Amino acid sequence: MSCFPCMSAHDADLTLRQIVEVCDKAVEFRNSITWEEFRSDWRKQMVGERLFEVLGEAVKRLPDDLRNRHSQLPWKKIAGTRDYIAHGYDSVDYDVIWGVLDVEAGKLKESALVILAKEYPEPPTR
């Protein structure tokens, strides 16, 4: 079941889980296409843009104190790139989008999982 249609600005645990989910979708999408397919198909480019927009918006919804505790991550860069894509739609650099899909989404997923384990550990089952 997908939790990403119900993004919450108030629940960091849920938002981190949504980040993991969207990163999974980004990696799956990337693994389903080649650079040549991505570069030559506007539909695929728009999917890549949308995935990154959702990631950037989710990052913006994380509380400042959580982002400050995990300042090793480029939160501002992620949010800023989201803004660049959303507002500079006529000048998007698809090399950047491809790099996010190819490398950065997997790294962000792993970081979000580490933060989840540290900040929101699962309660033990009885």
N, C-alpha and C. Protein backbone atom coordinates (compact mmCIF):
# COMPACT_ATOMS: atom_id res chain seq x y z
N MET A 1 0.84 -1.19 0.00
CA MET A 1 0.00 0.00 0.00
C MET A 1 0.88 1.24 0.00
N SER A 2 0.54 2.18 -0.82
CA SER A 2 1.32 3.40 -0.93
C SER A 2 0.85 4.43 0.09
N CYS A 3 1.82 5.08 0.71
CA CYS A 3 1.45 6.14 1.66
C CYS A 3 1.71 7.51 1.06
N PHE A 4 2.22 7.58 -0.17
CA PHE A 4 2.65 8.88 -0.65
C PHE A 4 1.53 9.82 -1.10
N PRO A 5 0.31 9.37 -1.40
CA PRO A 5 -0.73 10.34 -1.69
C PRO A 5 -1.18 11.15 -0.48
N CYS A 6 -0.81 10.72 0.72
CA CYS A 6 -1.27 11.42 1.92
C CYS A 6 -0.11 12.09 2.65
N MET A 7 0.76 12.75 1.89
CA MET A 7 1.92 13.39 2.52
C MET A 7 1.50 14.30 3.65
N SER A 8 2.26 14.26 4.72
CA SER A 8 1.93 15.03 5.91
C SER A 8 3.07 15.96 6.28
N ALA A 9 2.74 17.22 6.51
CA ALA A 9 3.75 18.18 6.94
C ALA A 9 4.02 18.04 8.43
N HIS A 10 3.25 17.23 9.11
CA HIS A 10 3.33 17.19 10.56
C HIS A 10 3.91 15.90 11.12
N ASP A 11 4.17 14.95 10.32
CA ASP A 11 4.62 13.65 10.81
C ASP A 11 5.93 13.28 10.12
N ALA A 12 7.04 13.54 10.82
CA ALA A 12 8.36 13.30 10.23
C ALA A 12 8.58 11.82 9.93
N ASP A 13 8.08 10.94 10.79
CA ASP A 13 8.21 9.51 10.58
C ASP A 13 7.56 9.12 9.25
N LEU A 14 6.33 9.55 9.05
CA LEU A 14 5.62 9.25 7.81
C LEU A 14 6.34 9.87 6.61
N THR A 15 6.77 11.10 6.75
CA THR A 15 7.45 11.77 5.63
C THR A 15 8.74 11.05 5.26
N LEU A 16 9.51 10.60 6.24
CA LEU A 16 10.73 9.83 5.94
C LEU A 16 10.38 8.52 5.23
N ARG A 17 9.32 7.88 5.65
CA ARG A 17 8.89 6.64 4.98
C ARG A 17 8.45 6.93 3.54
N GLN A 18 7.82 8.07 3.33
CA GLN A 18 7.44 8.46 1.98
C GLN A 18 8.67 8.74 1.13
N ILE A 19 9.68 9.35 1.72
CA ILE A 19 10.93 9.59 1.00
C ILE A 19 11.53 8.26 0.55
N VAL A 20 11.54 7.28 1.44
CA VAL A 20 12.05 5.95 1.09
C VAL A 20 11.24 5.38 -0.07
N GLU A 21 9.93 5.50 0.01
CA GLU A 21 9.05 4.96 -1.04
C GLU A 21 9.31 5.63 -2.39
N VAL A 22 9.42 6.95 -2.39
CA VAL A 22 9.65 7.67 -3.65
C VAL A 22 11.05 7.35 -4.19
N CYS A 23 12.03 7.21 -3.31
CA CYS A 23 13.36 6.80 -3.76
C CYS A 23 13.31 5.42 -4.41
N ASP A 24 12.54 4.51 -3.83
CA ASP A 24 12.37 3.19 -4.45
C ASP A 24 11.78 3.33 -5.86
N LYS A 25 10.78 4.18 -6.00
CA LYS A 25 10.16 4.39 -7.31
C LYS A 25 11.17 5.00 -8.29
N ALA A 26 11.99 5.93 -7.80
CA ALA A 26 12.99 6.57 -8.66
C ALA A 26 14.02 5.56 -9.14
N VAL A 27 14.48 4.71 -8.22
CA VAL A 27 15.47 3.69 -8.59
C VAL A 27 14.84 2.68 -9.56
N GLU A 28 13.62 2.27 -9.29
CA GLU A 28 12.93 1.34 -10.19
C GLU A 28 12.77 1.94 -11.58
N PHE A 29 12.37 3.20 -11.63
CA PHE A 29 12.22 3.88 -12.91
C PHE A 29 13.55 3.95 -13.64
N ARG A 30 14.58 4.36 -12.94
CA ARG A 30 15.92 4.47 -13.54
C ARG A 30 16.38 3.13 -14.09
N ASN A 31 16.14 2.07 -13.34
CA ASN A 31 16.59 0.75 -13.78
C ASN A 31 15.79 0.20 -14.95
N SER A 32 14.68 0.84 -15.27
CA SER A 32 13.83 0.36 -16.37
C SER A 32 14.15 1.02 -17.71
N ILE A 33 15.05 2.02 -17.70
CA ILE A 33 15.34 2.75 -18.93
C ILE A 33 16.84 3.01 -19.06
N THR A 34 17.23 3.36 -20.28
CA THR A 34 18.61 3.78 -20.53
C THR A 34 18.66 5.30 -20.60
N TRP A 35 19.87 5.82 -20.53
CA TRP A 35 20.06 7.27 -20.68
C TRP A 35 19.50 7.74 -22.02
N GLU A 36 19.73 6.98 -23.06
CA GLU A 36 19.26 7.37 -24.40
C GLU A 36 17.73 7.43 -24.43
N GLU A 37 17.08 6.46 -23.79
CA GLU A 37 15.61 6.48 -23.73
C GLU A 37 15.12 7.69 -22.94
N PHE A 38 15.78 7.96 -21.83
CA PHE A 38 15.40 9.09 -21.00
C PHE A 38 15.59 10.40 -21.76
N ARG A 39 16.74 10.55 -22.38
CA ARG A 39 17.09 11.79 -23.06
C ARG A 39 16.16 12.08 -24.24
N SER A 40 15.66 11.03 -24.88
CA SER A 40 14.89 11.23 -26.11
C SER A 40 13.37 11.17 -25.93
N ASP A 41 12.89 10.97 -24.71
CA ASP A 41 11.45 10.80 -24.50
C ASP A 41 10.95 11.80 -23.45
N TRP A 42 10.19 12.78 -23.89
CA TRP A 42 9.71 13.81 -22.96
C TRP A 42 8.86 13.22 -21.83
N ARG A 43 8.16 12.11 -22.12
CA ARG A 43 7.33 11.49 -21.08
C ARG A 43 8.21 10.97 -19.95
N LYS A 44 9.28 10.32 -20.30
CA LYS A 44 10.20 9.79 -19.29
C LYS A 44 10.88 10.94 -18.54
N GLN A 45 11.21 12.00 -19.24
CA GLN A 45 11.81 13.17 -18.58
C GLN A 45 10.85 13.75 -17.55
N MET A 46 9.58 13.81 -17.90
CA MET A 46 8.59 14.38 -16.97
C MET A 46 8.39 13.47 -15.76
N VAL A 47 8.46 12.17 -15.95
CA VAL A 47 8.38 11.26 -14.80
C VAL A 47 9.56 11.52 -13.87
N GLY A 48 10.76 11.64 -14.44
CA GLY A 48 11.93 11.93 -13.62
C GLY A 48 11.80 13.25 -12.88
N GLU A 49 11.30 14.26 -13.57
CA GLU A 49 11.08 15.56 -12.92
C GLU A 49 10.10 15.42 -11.77
N ARG A 50 9.01 14.74 -12.01
CA ARG A 50 7.97 14.62 -10.98
C ARG A 50 8.49 13.87 -9.76
N LEU A 51 9.22 12.80 -9.97
CA LEU A 51 9.78 12.07 -8.84
C LEU A 51 10.67 12.99 -8.00
N PHE A 52 11.48 13.79 -8.66
CA PHE A 52 12.35 14.69 -7.91
C PHE A 52 11.56 15.80 -7.23
N GLU A 53 10.52 16.31 -7.87
CA GLU A 53 9.68 17.31 -7.23
C GLU A 53 9.06 16.78 -5.94
N VAL A 54 8.58 15.54 -5.98
CA VAL A 54 7.97 14.94 -4.79
C VAL A 54 9.02 14.75 -3.70
N LEU A 55 10.21 14.29 -4.06
CA LEU A 55 11.27 14.16 -3.06
C LEU A 55 11.60 15.50 -2.43
N GLY A 56 11.74 16.52 -3.25
CA GLY A 56 12.07 17.84 -2.73
C GLY A 56 10.99 18.39 -1.83
N GLU A 57 9.75 18.17 -2.20
CA GLU A 57 8.64 18.64 -1.36
C GLU A 57 8.62 17.88 -0.03
N ALA A 58 8.87 16.60 -0.07
CA ALA A 58 8.90 15.81 1.17
C ALA A 58 10.01 16.31 2.09
N VAL A 59 11.17 16.59 1.52
CA VAL A 59 12.29 17.11 2.32
C VAL A 59 11.90 18.42 2.99
N LYS A 60 11.18 19.28 2.27
CA LYS A 60 10.75 20.56 2.84
C LYS A 60 9.80 20.36 4.02
N ARG A 61 9.08 19.25 4.05
CA ARG A 61 8.12 18.99 5.11
C ARG A 61 8.75 18.43 6.38
N LEU A 62 10.00 18.03 6.29
CA LEU A 62 10.67 17.54 7.49
C LEU A 62 10.93 18.70 8.44
N PRO A 63 10.79 18.47 9.74
CA PRO A 63 11.04 19.55 10.70
C PRO A 63 12.50 20.01 10.66
N ASP A 64 12.69 21.30 10.88
CA ASP A 64 14.05 21.86 10.87
C ASP A 64 14.97 21.17 11.87
N ASP A 65 14.44 20.84 13.05
CA ASP A 65 15.30 20.22 14.05
C ASP A 65 15.80 18.85 13.59
N LEU A 66 14.99 18.10 12.88
CA LEU A 66 15.44 16.80 12.35
C LEU A 66 16.51 17.02 11.28
N ARG A 67 16.26 17.96 10.38
CA ARG A 67 17.25 18.25 9.33
C ARG A 67 18.55 18.75 9.95
N ASN A 68 18.46 19.54 11.00
CA ASN A 68 19.67 20.04 11.67
C ASN A 68 20.44 18.92 12.35
N ARG A 69 19.74 17.94 12.93
CA ARG A 69 20.42 16.80 13.56
C ARG A 69 21.11 15.92 12.53
N HIS A 70 20.68 16.02 11.29
CA HIS A 70 21.26 15.19 10.22
C HIS A 70 21.75 16.11 9.11
N SER A 71 22.55 17.06 9.50
CA SER A 71 23.01 18.11 8.58
C SER A 71 24.02 17.61 7.55
N GLN A 72 24.45 16.36 7.68
CA GLN A 72 25.36 15.79 6.68
C GLN A 72 24.66 15.58 5.34
N LEU A 73 23.33 15.59 5.35
CA LEU A 73 22.59 15.42 4.11
C LEU A 73 22.32 16.78 3.47
N PRO A 74 22.29 16.83 2.14
CA PRO A 74 22.11 18.11 1.44
C PRO A 74 20.64 18.52 1.33
N TRP A 75 19.98 18.69 2.47
CA TRP A 75 18.55 18.99 2.47
C TRP A 75 18.24 20.22 1.62
N LYS A 76 19.00 21.29 1.81
CA LYS A 76 18.73 22.54 1.08
C LYS A 76 18.94 22.36 -0.42
N LYS A 77 19.95 21.58 -0.78
CA LYS A 77 20.22 21.33 -2.20
C LYS A 77 19.06 20.55 -2.82
N ILE A 78 18.55 19.56 -2.10
CA ILE A 78 17.42 18.77 -2.62
C ILE A 78 16.20 19.66 -2.81
N ALA A 79 15.89 20.45 -1.78
CA ALA A 79 14.74 21.35 -1.87
C ALA A 79 14.95 22.40 -2.96
N GLY A 80 16.16 22.93 -3.05
CA GLY A 80 16.45 23.93 -4.06
C GLY A 80 16.36 23.39 -5.47
N THR A 81 16.81 22.16 -5.66
CA THR A 81 16.71 21.54 -6.98
C THR A 81 15.25 21.31 -7.35
N ARG A 82 14.45 20.93 -6.35
CA ARG A 82 13.01 20.78 -6.58
C ARG A 82 12.42 22.10 -7.05
N ASP A 83 12.78 23.20 -6.40
CA ASP A 83 12.28 24.51 -6.78
C ASP A 83 12.74 24.89 -8.19
N TYR A 84 13.99 24.59 -8.49
CA TYR A 84 14.53 24.86 -9.83
C TYR A 84 13.72 24.12 -10.90
N ILE A 85 13.40 22.85 -10.64
CA ILE A 85 12.63 22.07 -11.62
C ILE A 85 11.21 22.62 -11.74
N ALA A 86 10.59 22.91 -10.60
CA ALA A 86 9.21 23.37 -10.63
C ALA A 86 9.06 24.75 -11.26
N HIS A 87 10.01 25.64 -11.01
CA HIS A 87 9.88 27.01 -11.46
C HIS A 87 10.72 27.34 -12.68
N GLY A 88 11.74 26.53 -12.94
CA GLY A 88 12.58 26.75 -14.10
C GLY A 88 12.37 25.66 -15.13
N TYR A 89 11.11 25.27 -15.27
CA TYR A 89 10.75 24.14 -16.12
C TYR A 89 11.27 24.25 -17.55
N ASP A 90 11.53 25.45 -18.01
CA ASP A 90 11.98 25.63 -19.39
C ASP A 90 13.49 25.50 -19.54
N SER A 91 14.19 25.27 -18.43
CA SER A 91 15.65 25.17 -18.51
C SER A 91 16.20 24.02 -17.66
N VAL A 92 15.42 22.95 -17.53
CA VAL A 92 15.83 21.82 -16.70
C VAL A 92 17.02 21.11 -17.34
N ASP A 93 18.00 20.79 -16.53
CA ASP A 93 19.18 20.05 -16.97
C ASP A 93 18.91 18.56 -16.73
N TYR A 94 18.67 17.83 -17.79
CA TYR A 94 18.30 16.42 -17.64
C TYR A 94 19.48 15.55 -17.23
N ASP A 95 20.69 16.05 -17.38
CA ASP A 95 21.85 15.34 -16.82
C ASP A 95 21.73 15.30 -15.30
N VAL A 96 21.26 16.40 -14.71
CA VAL A 96 21.09 16.46 -13.26
C VAL A 96 19.99 15.49 -12.83
N ILE A 97 18.87 15.51 -13.52
CA ILE A 97 17.77 14.60 -13.17
C ILE A 97 18.24 13.16 -13.28
N TRP A 98 18.95 12.84 -14.34
CA TRP A 98 19.46 11.47 -14.53
C TRP A 98 20.40 11.09 -13.39
N GLY A 99 21.27 12.00 -12.99
CA GLY A 99 22.18 11.73 -11.88
C GLY A 99 21.44 11.44 -10.59
N VAL A 100 20.37 12.18 -10.36
CA VAL A 100 19.55 11.92 -9.17
C VAL A 100 18.95 10.52 -9.25
N LEU A 101 18.38 10.20 -10.40
CA LEU A 101 17.77 8.88 -10.57
C LEU A 101 18.81 7.78 -10.50
N ASP A 102 19.97 8.03 -11.07
CA ASP A 102 21.01 7.00 -11.20
C ASP A 102 21.76 6.75 -9.90
N VAL A 103 22.00 7.78 -9.11
CA VAL A 103 22.87 7.64 -7.93
C VAL A 103 22.23 8.19 -6.66
N GLU A 104 21.76 9.41 -6.72
CA GLU A 104 21.37 10.12 -5.50
C GLU A 104 20.13 9.54 -4.82
N ALA A 105 19.18 9.04 -5.58
CA ALA A 105 17.97 8.49 -4.96
C ALA A 105 18.30 7.30 -4.07
N GLY A 106 19.20 6.44 -4.52
CA GLY A 106 19.62 5.30 -3.70
C GLY A 106 20.32 5.74 -2.43
N LYS A 107 21.17 6.76 -2.54
CA LYS A 107 21.87 7.28 -1.36
C LYS A 107 20.88 7.91 -0.38
N LEU A 108 19.94 8.68 -0.90
CA LEU A 108 18.95 9.33 -0.03
C LEU A 108 18.10 8.28 0.67
N LYS A 109 17.73 7.23 -0.03
CA LYS A 109 16.95 6.17 0.59
C LYS A 109 17.71 5.57 1.77
N GLU A 110 18.97 5.23 1.55
CA GLU A 110 19.76 4.63 2.63
C GLU A 110 19.88 5.58 3.82
N SER A 111 20.08 6.86 3.55
CA SER A 111 20.18 7.84 4.63
C SER A 111 18.86 7.96 5.38
N ALA A 112 17.75 7.98 4.64
CA ALA A 112 16.44 8.07 5.29
C ALA A 112 16.17 6.85 6.16
N LEU A 113 16.60 5.68 5.71
CA LEU A 113 16.42 4.46 6.51
C LEU A 113 17.24 4.53 7.80
N VAL A 114 18.45 5.07 7.72
CA VAL A 114 19.29 5.23 8.91
C VAL A 114 18.63 6.19 9.89
N ILE A 115 18.11 7.30 9.36
CA ILE A 115 17.44 8.28 10.22
C ILE A 115 16.20 7.66 10.86
N LEU A 116 15.41 6.93 10.08
CA LEU A 116 14.24 6.26 10.64
C LEU A 116 14.62 5.33 11.77
N ALA A 117 15.66 4.54 11.58
CA ALA A 117 16.08 3.59 12.61
C ALA A 117 16.54 4.31 13.87
N LYS A 118 17.18 5.45 13.69
CA LYS A 118 17.71 6.19 14.83
C LYS A 118 16.62 7.01 15.53
N GLU A 119 15.82 7.70 14.76
CA GLU A 119 14.84 8.64 15.31
C GLU A 119 13.50 7.98 15.66
N TYR A 120 13.12 6.96 14.89
CA TYR A 120 11.80 6.34 15.04
C TYR A 120 11.93 4.82 15.02
N PRO A 121 12.64 4.26 15.98
CA PRO A 121 12.80 2.81 15.97
C PRO A 121 11.45 2.10 16.13
N GLU A 122 11.36 0.99 15.48
CA GLU A 122 10.14 0.19 15.58
C GLU A 122 10.04 -0.36 17.00
N PRO A 123 8.86 -0.31 17.59
CA PRO A 123 8.72 -0.90 18.92
C PRO A 123 8.86 -2.41 18.82
N PRO A 124 9.39 -3.03 19.88
CA PRO A 124 9.55 -4.49 19.84
C PRO A 124 8.18 -5.16 19.78
N THR A 125 8.14 -6.26 19.06
CA THR A 125 6.88 -7.02 18.97
C THR A 125 6.80 -7.97 20.14
N ARG A 126 5.63 -8.24 20.59
CA ARG A 126 5.45 -9.13 21.74
C ARG A 126 4.98 -10.47 21.32
